[in-house]
Amino acid sequence: DWSSDVCSSDLPDQRRQLENPFSGWRKIIKRFGAVSRDVEEMNECFALCRYTAAIFHSLQVAELGAIELGGCIGVTDPKKGWGPTERKLRELVKAGHTTFPSALPVTFDFVEQMHREIESLTLAWRHKVDHAANRLVIIPNTDFTPDIAEHIIGAMRIFMLRLTEGMP
């Protein structure tokens, strides 16, 4: 019985998350199929009040999005991920609209918006995350409240939706 693992009195919402962990994520999963397992784990962990685990999985989703975005904007760093994509976005935005490479399959406006989005996400949560062996890890002794976890998950969902809408 799943209810023995529930951690709050809001059983209907938790039951919905456990029974339909892809709700609100289908468009993203259709575009980025590789994230489906982490989306499922993220929502199940959140429903079972394993907030740090839920955030970990949401960051895995965002990391894949950053890798995809990096490929789209010409990241050449052999270590794909958030850092190289963030650096390339910064470089493209700093160079300006007039020198934006016409061969890129995205617009300067999209790159500028994603640059701001990634900067914001980095400031909000990246200091609680580290890379170990090219894999994301949550820094030990970092506790997340349900509200913080929900906020981070929501921010990752919006980030991924923006990629879905702005990338070919």
N, C-alpha and C. Protein backbone atom coordinates (compact mmCIF):
# COMPACT_ATOMS: atom_id res chain seq x y z
N ASP A 1 0.85 -1.18 0.00
CA ASP A 1 0.00 0.00 0.00
C ASP A 1 0.88 1.23 0.00
N TRP A 2 0.76 2.08 -1.04
CA TRP A 2 1.60 3.25 -1.18
C TRP A 2 1.39 4.25 -0.06
N SER A 3 0.22 4.30 0.55
CA SER A 3 -0.08 5.34 1.54
C SER A 3 0.77 5.23 2.79
N SER A 4 1.36 4.07 3.04
CA SER A 4 2.21 3.94 4.22
C SER A 4 3.50 4.75 4.07
N ASP A 5 3.85 5.10 2.83
CA ASP A 5 5.06 5.88 2.57
C ASP A 5 4.79 7.37 2.49
N VAL A 6 3.55 7.76 2.60
CA VAL A 6 3.19 9.16 2.42
C VAL A 6 3.59 9.95 3.66
N CYS A 7 4.04 11.17 3.44
CA CYS A 7 4.62 11.94 4.54
C CYS A 7 3.79 13.13 4.97
N SER A 8 2.67 13.39 4.34
CA SER A 8 1.84 14.51 4.78
C SER A 8 0.38 14.14 4.65
N SER A 9 -0.48 15.06 5.00
CA SER A 9 -1.91 14.77 4.97
C SER A 9 -2.54 15.02 3.61
N ASP A 10 -1.79 15.46 2.64
CA ASP A 10 -2.34 15.79 1.33
C ASP A 10 -2.33 14.57 0.42
N LEU A 11 -3.02 13.52 0.82
CA LEU A 11 -3.00 12.25 0.10
C LEU A 11 -3.49 12.32 -1.34
N PRO A 12 -4.56 13.03 -1.67
CA PRO A 12 -5.00 13.05 -3.07
C PRO A 12 -3.93 13.58 -4.03
N ASP A 13 -3.25 14.68 -3.65
CA ASP A 13 -2.22 15.22 -4.53
C ASP A 13 -1.05 14.25 -4.67
N GLN A 14 -0.66 13.63 -3.58
CA GLN A 14 0.44 12.68 -3.65
C GLN A 14 0.05 11.45 -4.47
N ARG A 15 -1.16 10.99 -4.31
CA ARG A 15 -1.62 9.85 -5.09
C ARG A 15 -1.58 10.19 -6.58
N ARG A 16 -2.03 11.40 -6.95
CA ARG A 16 -1.99 11.81 -8.35
C ARG A 16 -0.56 11.82 -8.88
N GLN A 17 0.37 12.31 -8.08
CA GLN A 17 1.77 12.34 -8.53
C GLN A 17 2.32 10.94 -8.70
N LEU A 18 1.97 10.04 -7.80
CA LEU A 18 2.45 8.68 -7.92
C LEU A 18 1.81 7.94 -9.10
N GLU A 19 0.54 8.20 -9.32
CA GLU A 19 -0.17 7.51 -10.40
C GLU A 19 0.09 8.12 -11.77
N ASN A 20 0.45 9.39 -11.83
CA ASN A 20 0.68 10.06 -13.11
C ASN A 20 1.91 10.97 -13.02
N PRO A 21 3.09 10.38 -12.89
CA PRO A 21 4.29 11.19 -12.70
C PRO A 21 4.70 12.02 -13.91
N PHE A 22 4.09 11.78 -15.07
CA PHE A 22 4.45 12.53 -16.27
C PHE A 22 3.54 13.72 -16.53
N SER A 23 2.58 13.94 -15.65
CA SER A 23 1.66 15.06 -15.83
C SER A 23 2.43 16.38 -15.90
N GLY A 24 2.17 17.14 -16.95
CA GLY A 24 2.86 18.42 -17.14
C GLY A 24 4.21 18.30 -17.83
N TRP A 25 4.65 17.08 -18.07
CA TRP A 25 5.97 16.85 -18.66
C TRP A 25 5.91 16.16 -20.03
N ARG A 26 4.74 15.83 -20.50
CA ARG A 26 4.61 15.02 -21.73
C ARG A 26 5.24 15.69 -22.95
N LYS A 27 5.03 16.98 -23.12
CA LYS A 27 5.61 17.70 -24.25
C LYS A 27 7.15 17.65 -24.19
N ILE A 28 7.68 17.78 -23.00
CA ILE A 28 9.14 17.73 -22.80
C ILE A 28 9.66 16.33 -23.11
N ILE A 29 8.97 15.32 -22.60
CA ILE A 29 9.40 13.94 -22.81
C ILE A 29 9.30 13.56 -24.29
N LYS A 30 8.28 14.08 -24.96
CA LYS A 30 8.15 13.80 -26.40
C LYS A 30 9.37 14.35 -27.15
N ARG A 31 9.85 15.52 -26.74
CA ARG A 31 11.00 16.15 -27.41
C ARG A 31 12.33 15.58 -26.92
N PHE A 32 12.43 15.32 -25.63
CA PHE A 32 13.67 14.84 -25.03
C PHE A 32 13.37 13.52 -24.29
N GLY A 33 13.19 12.46 -25.04
CA GLY A 33 12.78 11.17 -24.48
C GLY A 33 13.70 10.63 -23.39
N ALA A 34 14.97 10.97 -23.47
CA ALA A 34 15.93 10.45 -22.49
C ALA A 34 15.66 10.92 -21.07
N VAL A 35 14.83 11.94 -20.89
CA VAL A 35 14.58 12.45 -19.55
C VAL A 35 13.44 11.71 -18.84
N SER A 36 12.76 10.82 -19.53
CA SER A 36 11.54 10.23 -18.96
C SER A 36 11.78 9.52 -17.63
N ARG A 37 12.86 8.78 -17.52
CA ARG A 37 13.13 8.05 -16.27
C ARG A 37 13.37 9.03 -15.11
N ASP A 38 14.14 10.09 -15.35
CA ASP A 38 14.40 11.05 -14.29
C ASP A 38 13.14 11.85 -13.93
N VAL A 39 12.30 12.14 -14.91
CA VAL A 39 11.04 12.83 -14.61
C VAL A 39 10.16 11.95 -13.73
N GLU A 40 10.09 10.69 -14.08
CA GLU A 40 9.29 9.76 -13.28
C GLU A 40 9.83 9.66 -11.85
N GLU A 41 11.12 9.47 -11.72
CA GLU A 41 11.75 9.36 -10.39
C GLU A 41 11.58 10.66 -9.60
N MET A 42 11.76 11.80 -10.28
CA MET A 42 11.62 13.09 -9.62
C MET A 42 10.24 13.24 -9.00
N ASN A 43 9.22 12.97 -9.77
CA ASN A 43 7.85 13.14 -9.27
C ASN A 43 7.49 12.11 -8.21
N GLU A 44 7.95 10.89 -8.36
CA GLU A 44 7.70 9.89 -7.33
C GLU A 44 8.43 10.24 -6.04
N CYS A 45 9.67 10.68 -6.15
CA CYS A 45 10.43 11.07 -4.95
C CYS A 45 9.76 12.26 -4.26
N PHE A 46 9.30 13.23 -5.04
CA PHE A 46 8.63 14.38 -4.44
C PHE A 46 7.36 13.93 -3.72
N ALA A 47 6.58 13.06 -4.36
CA ALA A 47 5.33 12.58 -3.76
C ALA A 47 5.58 11.82 -2.46
N LEU A 48 6.75 11.19 -2.36
CA LEU A 48 7.09 10.43 -1.16
C LEU A 48 7.98 11.23 -0.21
N CYS A 49 8.04 12.54 -0.43
CA CYS A 49 8.76 13.47 0.45
C CYS A 49 10.27 13.23 0.50
N ARG A 50 10.80 12.71 -0.56
CA ARG A 50 12.26 12.57 -0.68
C ARG A 50 12.73 13.73 -1.55
N TYR A 51 12.74 14.91 -0.92
CA TYR A 51 12.92 16.15 -1.67
C TYR A 51 14.30 16.29 -2.28
N THR A 52 15.34 15.90 -1.56
CA THR A 52 16.69 15.98 -2.12
C THR A 52 16.80 15.09 -3.34
N ALA A 53 16.25 13.89 -3.27
CA ALA A 53 16.27 12.98 -4.42
C ALA A 53 15.47 13.55 -5.57
N ALA A 54 14.34 14.17 -5.27
CA ALA A 54 13.53 14.79 -6.33
C ALA A 54 14.32 15.88 -7.04
N ILE A 55 15.02 16.69 -6.27
CA ILE A 55 15.83 17.76 -6.87
C ILE A 55 16.97 17.17 -7.69
N PHE A 56 17.60 16.14 -7.18
CA PHE A 56 18.67 15.48 -7.93
C PHE A 56 18.16 15.08 -9.32
N HIS A 57 17.01 14.43 -9.37
CA HIS A 57 16.47 13.99 -10.65
C HIS A 57 16.08 15.17 -11.53
N SER A 58 15.57 16.25 -10.93
CA SER A 58 15.23 17.43 -11.75
C SER A 58 16.49 18.05 -12.34
N LEU A 59 17.59 18.00 -11.61
CA LEU A 59 18.85 18.53 -12.12
C LEU A 59 19.41 17.65 -13.23
N GLN A 60 19.17 16.36 -13.14
CA GLN A 60 19.58 15.46 -14.22
C GLN A 60 18.83 15.82 -15.50
N VAL A 61 17.54 16.13 -15.36
CA VAL A 61 16.73 16.54 -16.51
C VAL A 61 17.31 17.82 -17.11
N ALA A 62 17.59 18.81 -16.26
CA ALA A 62 18.13 20.08 -16.73
C ALA A 62 19.50 19.92 -17.36
N GLU A 63 20.30 19.02 -16.82
CA GLU A 63 21.63 18.77 -17.39
C GLU A 63 21.51 18.24 -18.82
N LEU A 64 20.57 17.34 -19.02
CA LEU A 64 20.36 16.83 -20.38
C LEU A 64 19.90 17.98 -21.29
N GLY A 65 19.03 18.84 -20.78
CA GLY A 65 18.61 20.00 -21.56
C GLY A 65 19.78 20.89 -21.91
N ALA A 66 20.67 21.11 -20.97
CA ALA A 66 21.85 21.94 -21.22
C ALA A 66 22.76 21.29 -22.27
N ILE A 67 22.89 19.99 -22.23
CA ILE A 67 23.69 19.28 -23.23
C ILE A 67 23.08 19.45 -24.62
N GLU A 68 21.76 19.29 -24.70
CA GLU A 68 21.06 19.46 -25.99
C GLU A 68 21.20 20.89 -26.50
N LEU A 69 21.03 21.85 -25.61
CA LEU A 69 21.18 23.25 -25.99
C LEU A 69 22.61 23.52 -26.44
N GLY A 70 23.58 22.97 -25.73
CA GLY A 70 24.97 23.14 -26.11
C GLY A 70 25.26 22.63 -27.51
N GLY A 71 24.70 21.47 -27.84
CA GLY A 71 24.86 20.94 -29.18
C GLY A 71 24.26 21.85 -30.23
N CYS A 72 23.17 22.46 -29.90
CA CYS A 72 22.45 23.35 -30.81
C CYS A 72 23.21 24.66 -31.06
N ILE A 73 23.93 25.15 -30.07
CA ILE A 73 24.61 26.45 -30.20
C ILE A 73 26.10 26.31 -30.48
N GLY A 74 26.56 25.08 -30.70
CA GLY A 74 27.94 24.89 -31.12
C GLY A 74 28.96 24.72 -30.02
N VAL A 75 28.57 24.19 -28.87
CA VAL A 75 29.54 23.91 -27.81
C VAL A 75 30.49 22.82 -28.30
N THR A 76 31.79 23.06 -28.17
CA THR A 76 32.79 22.09 -28.63
C THR A 76 33.56 21.43 -27.50
N ASP A 77 33.33 21.87 -26.28
CA ASP A 77 33.99 21.30 -25.11
C ASP A 77 33.68 19.80 -25.04
N PRO A 78 34.70 18.96 -24.87
CA PRO A 78 34.44 17.52 -24.80
C PRO A 78 33.61 17.10 -23.57
N LYS A 79 33.66 17.91 -22.51
CA LYS A 79 32.82 17.64 -21.34
C LYS A 79 31.52 18.41 -21.51
N LYS A 80 30.53 17.72 -22.03
CA LYS A 80 29.24 18.35 -22.28
C LYS A 80 28.53 18.63 -20.97
N GLY A 81 27.67 19.64 -20.96
CA GLY A 81 26.88 19.89 -19.77
C GLY A 81 26.65 21.36 -19.51
N TRP A 82 26.24 21.62 -18.28
CA TRP A 82 25.81 22.95 -17.86
C TRP A 82 26.91 24.00 -18.06
N GLY A 83 28.10 23.75 -17.54
CA GLY A 83 29.19 24.72 -17.59
C GLY A 83 29.58 25.15 -18.99
N PRO A 84 29.90 24.20 -19.87
CA PRO A 84 30.26 24.59 -21.24
C PRO A 84 29.12 25.31 -21.97
N THR A 85 27.89 24.89 -21.73
CA THR A 85 26.75 25.56 -22.37
C THR A 85 26.59 26.97 -21.84
N GLU A 86 26.74 27.13 -20.54
CA GLU A 86 26.65 28.47 -19.95
C GLU A 86 27.73 29.39 -20.52
N ARG A 87 28.94 28.88 -20.65
CA ARG A 87 30.04 29.69 -21.20
C ARG A 87 29.78 30.09 -22.66
N LYS A 88 29.27 29.15 -23.46
CA LYS A 88 29.00 29.45 -24.87
C LYS A 88 27.87 30.47 -25.00
N LEU A 89 26.83 30.32 -24.19
CA LEU A 89 25.75 31.31 -24.20
C LEU A 89 26.29 32.70 -23.88
N ARG A 90 27.12 32.78 -22.83
CA ARG A 90 27.70 34.06 -22.43
C ARG A 90 28.52 34.66 -23.57
N GLU A 91 29.31 33.82 -24.23
CA GLU A 91 30.14 34.27 -25.35
C GLU A 91 29.28 34.81 -26.50
N LEU A 92 28.23 34.10 -26.85
CA LEU A 92 27.36 34.52 -27.95
C LEU A 92 26.64 35.83 -27.62
N VAL A 93 26.16 35.94 -26.39
CA VAL A 93 25.44 37.16 -25.99
C VAL A 93 26.40 38.34 -25.92
N LYS A 94 27.57 38.11 -25.38
CA LYS A 94 28.56 39.20 -25.27
C LYS A 94 28.99 39.70 -26.65
N ALA A 95 29.10 38.79 -27.61
CA ALA A 95 29.49 39.19 -28.97
C ALA A 95 28.42 40.05 -29.63
N GLY A 96 27.18 39.86 -29.23
CA GLY A 96 26.11 40.72 -29.72
C GLY A 96 25.32 40.19 -30.89
N HIS A 97 24.24 40.86 -31.13
CA HIS A 97 23.28 40.47 -32.17
C HIS A 97 23.90 40.53 -33.57
N THR A 98 24.73 41.55 -33.81
CA THR A 98 25.27 41.75 -35.16
C THR A 98 26.29 40.69 -35.57
N THR A 99 26.93 40.03 -34.60
CA THR A 99 27.91 39.00 -34.95
C THR A 99 27.38 37.58 -34.68
N PHE A 100 26.10 37.47 -34.43
CA PHE A 100 25.50 36.16 -34.14
C PHE A 100 25.62 35.27 -35.37
N PRO A 101 26.17 34.05 -35.20
CA PRO A 101 26.35 33.15 -36.35
C PRO A 101 25.02 32.77 -37.02
N SER A 102 24.89 33.10 -38.29
CA SER A 102 23.64 32.82 -39.01
C SER A 102 23.42 31.33 -39.21
N ALA A 103 24.47 30.53 -39.08
CA ALA A 103 24.33 29.08 -39.27
C ALA A 103 23.65 28.39 -38.09
N LEU A 104 23.55 29.06 -36.94
CA LEU A 104 22.91 28.43 -35.79
C LEU A 104 21.40 28.31 -36.05
N PRO A 105 20.81 27.19 -35.63
CA PRO A 105 19.39 26.96 -35.90
C PRO A 105 18.44 27.63 -34.91
N VAL A 106 18.95 28.57 -34.13
CA VAL A 106 18.14 29.30 -33.15
C VAL A 106 18.38 30.79 -33.34
N THR A 107 17.52 31.60 -32.75
CA THR A 107 17.65 33.05 -32.88
C THR A 107 18.52 33.63 -31.76
N PHE A 108 19.01 34.82 -32.00
CA PHE A 108 19.76 35.52 -30.96
C PHE A 108 18.88 35.77 -29.75
N ASP A 109 17.62 36.14 -29.99
CA ASP A 109 16.71 36.39 -28.87
C ASP A 109 16.56 35.16 -27.99
N PHE A 110 16.44 34.00 -28.60
CA PHE A 110 16.33 32.75 -27.83
C PHE A 110 17.61 32.52 -27.02
N VAL A 111 18.75 32.70 -27.64
CA VAL A 111 20.03 32.52 -26.94
C VAL A 111 20.14 33.49 -25.78
N GLU A 112 19.75 34.72 -26.01
CA GLU A 112 19.80 35.73 -24.94
C GLU A 112 18.88 35.34 -23.78
N GLN A 113 17.69 34.87 -24.08
CA GLN A 113 16.76 34.44 -23.04
C GLN A 113 17.28 33.22 -22.29
N MET A 114 17.84 32.27 -23.01
CA MET A 114 18.37 31.07 -22.34
C MET A 114 19.59 31.41 -21.50
N HIS A 115 20.36 32.37 -21.94
CA HIS A 115 21.50 32.83 -21.14
C HIS A 115 21.02 33.37 -19.80
N ARG A 116 19.98 34.22 -19.84
CA ARG A 116 19.43 34.76 -18.59
C ARG A 116 18.82 33.65 -17.73
N GLU A 117 18.14 32.71 -18.37
CA GLU A 117 17.51 31.60 -17.65
C GLU A 117 18.57 30.75 -16.93
N ILE A 118 19.62 30.40 -17.64
CA ILE A 118 20.68 29.58 -17.05
C ILE A 118 21.41 30.34 -15.95
N GLU A 119 21.67 31.62 -16.15
CA GLU A 119 22.28 32.43 -15.10
C GLU A 119 21.43 32.43 -13.83
N SER A 120 20.15 32.61 -14.01
CA SER A 120 19.22 32.64 -12.88
C SER A 120 19.19 31.29 -12.16
N LEU A 121 19.10 30.22 -12.91
CA LEU A 121 19.08 28.89 -12.30
C LEU A 121 20.38 28.58 -11.58
N THR A 122 21.47 29.02 -12.16
CA THR A 122 22.78 28.80 -11.54
C THR A 122 22.86 29.51 -10.19
N LEU A 123 22.43 30.75 -10.16
CA LEU A 123 22.45 31.50 -8.90
C LEU A 123 21.51 30.89 -7.87
N ALA A 124 20.38 30.37 -8.33
CA ALA A 124 19.37 29.86 -7.41
C ALA A 124 19.76 28.54 -6.77
N TRP A 125 20.38 27.64 -7.52
CA TRP A 125 20.59 26.30 -6.95
C TRP A 125 21.92 25.67 -7.26
N ARG A 126 22.68 26.18 -8.20
CA ARG A 126 23.89 25.48 -8.64
C ARG A 126 24.92 25.34 -7.52
N HIS A 127 24.93 26.27 -6.56
CA HIS A 127 25.91 26.19 -5.48
C HIS A 127 25.66 24.98 -4.57
N LYS A 128 24.51 24.35 -4.68
CA LYS A 128 24.22 23.16 -3.87
C LYS A 128 24.48 21.87 -4.64
N VAL A 129 25.04 22.03 -5.84
CA VAL A 129 25.26 20.88 -6.71
C VAL A 129 26.71 20.88 -7.15
N ASP A 130 27.27 19.71 -7.31
CA ASP A 130 28.64 19.58 -7.76
C ASP A 130 28.70 18.45 -8.78
N HIS A 131 29.81 18.37 -9.49
CA HIS A 131 30.02 17.27 -10.42
C HIS A 131 31.06 16.33 -9.83
N ALA A 132 30.79 15.05 -9.92
CA ALA A 132 31.75 14.03 -9.53
C ALA A 132 31.75 13.00 -10.64
N ALA A 133 32.89 12.77 -11.25
CA ALA A 133 33.00 11.83 -12.36
C ALA A 133 31.97 12.14 -13.44
N ASN A 134 31.84 13.44 -13.76
CA ASN A 134 30.91 13.91 -14.78
C ASN A 134 29.46 13.53 -14.50
N ARG A 135 29.10 13.44 -13.22
CA ARG A 135 27.74 13.12 -12.79
C ARG A 135 27.35 14.12 -11.71
N LEU A 136 26.11 14.60 -11.78
CA LEU A 136 25.65 15.57 -10.78
C LEU A 136 25.49 14.91 -9.42
N VAL A 137 25.87 15.63 -8.38
CA VAL A 137 25.64 15.18 -7.01
C VAL A 137 25.19 16.37 -6.17
N ILE A 138 24.31 16.10 -5.22
CA ILE A 138 23.88 17.12 -4.27
C ILE A 138 24.94 17.19 -3.18
N ILE A 139 25.36 18.38 -2.80
CA ILE A 139 26.36 18.52 -1.75
C ILE A 139 25.79 17.98 -0.45
N PRO A 140 26.56 17.15 0.27
CA PRO A 140 26.05 16.54 1.51
C PRO A 140 25.55 17.58 2.51
N ASN A 141 24.62 17.14 3.34
CA ASN A 141 24.02 17.97 4.40
C ASN A 141 23.23 19.16 3.85
N THR A 142 22.75 19.04 2.63
CA THR A 142 21.89 20.07 2.06
C THR A 142 20.46 19.56 2.16
N ASP A 143 19.67 20.22 2.97
CA ASP A 143 18.27 19.83 3.14
C ASP A 143 17.39 20.76 2.33
N PHE A 144 16.38 20.19 1.73
CA PHE A 144 15.45 20.96 0.93
C PHE A 144 14.06 20.81 1.51
N THR A 145 13.37 21.92 1.65
CA THR A 145 11.99 21.90 2.11
C THR A 145 11.09 21.56 0.92
N PRO A 146 9.85 21.16 1.18
CA PRO A 146 8.94 20.89 0.06
C PRO A 146 8.77 22.10 -0.85
N ASP A 147 8.69 23.29 -0.28
CA ASP A 147 8.51 24.49 -1.10
C ASP A 147 9.71 24.76 -2.00
N ILE A 148 10.90 24.61 -1.46
CA ILE A 148 12.11 24.82 -2.25
C ILE A 148 12.20 23.76 -3.35
N ALA A 149 11.94 22.53 -3.00
CA ALA A 149 11.98 21.45 -4.00
C ALA A 149 10.97 21.72 -5.12
N GLU A 150 9.78 22.11 -4.74
CA GLU A 150 8.74 22.39 -5.74
C GLU A 150 9.16 23.56 -6.65
N HIS A 151 9.78 24.57 -6.06
CA HIS A 151 10.24 25.72 -6.83
C HIS A 151 11.32 25.30 -7.84
N ILE A 152 12.29 24.53 -7.39
CA ILE A 152 13.38 24.09 -8.27
C ILE A 152 12.83 23.20 -9.38
N ILE A 153 11.97 22.28 -9.04
CA ILE A 153 11.38 21.39 -10.05
C ILE A 153 10.60 22.22 -11.07
N GLY A 154 9.84 23.18 -10.59
CA GLY A 154 9.09 24.06 -11.50
C GLY A 154 10.00 24.85 -12.41
N ALA A 155 11.09 25.35 -11.87
CA ALA A 155 12.06 26.10 -12.68
C ALA A 155 12.69 25.21 -13.74
N MET A 156 12.99 23.97 -13.40
CA MET A 156 13.57 23.03 -14.36
C MET A 156 12.55 22.71 -15.46
N ARG A 157 11.28 22.59 -15.07
CA ARG A 157 10.23 22.30 -16.05
C ARG A 157 10.10 23.46 -17.04
N ILE A 158 10.09 24.68 -16.54
CA ILE A 158 10.00 25.85 -17.42
C ILE A 158 11.23 25.92 -18.34
N PHE A 159 12.39 25.68 -17.79
CA PHE A 159 13.62 25.66 -18.59
C PHE A 159 13.49 24.66 -19.74
N MET A 160 13.03 23.47 -19.42
CA MET A 160 12.89 22.43 -20.44
C MET A 160 11.79 22.78 -21.45
N LEU A 161 10.72 23.38 -20.99
CA LEU A 161 9.67 23.81 -21.93
C LEU A 161 10.20 24.88 -22.89
N ARG A 162 11.00 25.80 -22.38
CA ARG A 162 11.60 26.83 -23.24
C ARG A 162 12.48 26.20 -24.29
N LEU A 163 13.24 25.17 -23.90
CA LEU A 163 14.08 24.48 -24.89
C LEU A 163 13.21 23.78 -25.93
N THR A 164 12.15 23.15 -25.47
CA THR A 164 11.24 22.44 -26.36
C THR A 164 10.65 23.39 -27.40
N GLU A 165 10.32 24.59 -26.97
CA GLU A 165 9.69 25.56 -27.86
C GLU A 165 10.68 26.31 -28.73
N GLY A 166 11.91 26.49 -28.26
CA GLY A 166 12.86 27.34 -28.97
C GLY A 166 13.89 26.64 -29.82
N MET A 167 14.04 25.34 -29.63
CA MET A 167 15.05 24.60 -30.40
C MET A 167 14.38 23.78 -31.50
N PRO A 168 15.09 23.61 -32.61
CA PRO A 168 14.52 22.79 -33.70
C PRO A 168 14.45 21.31 -33.31
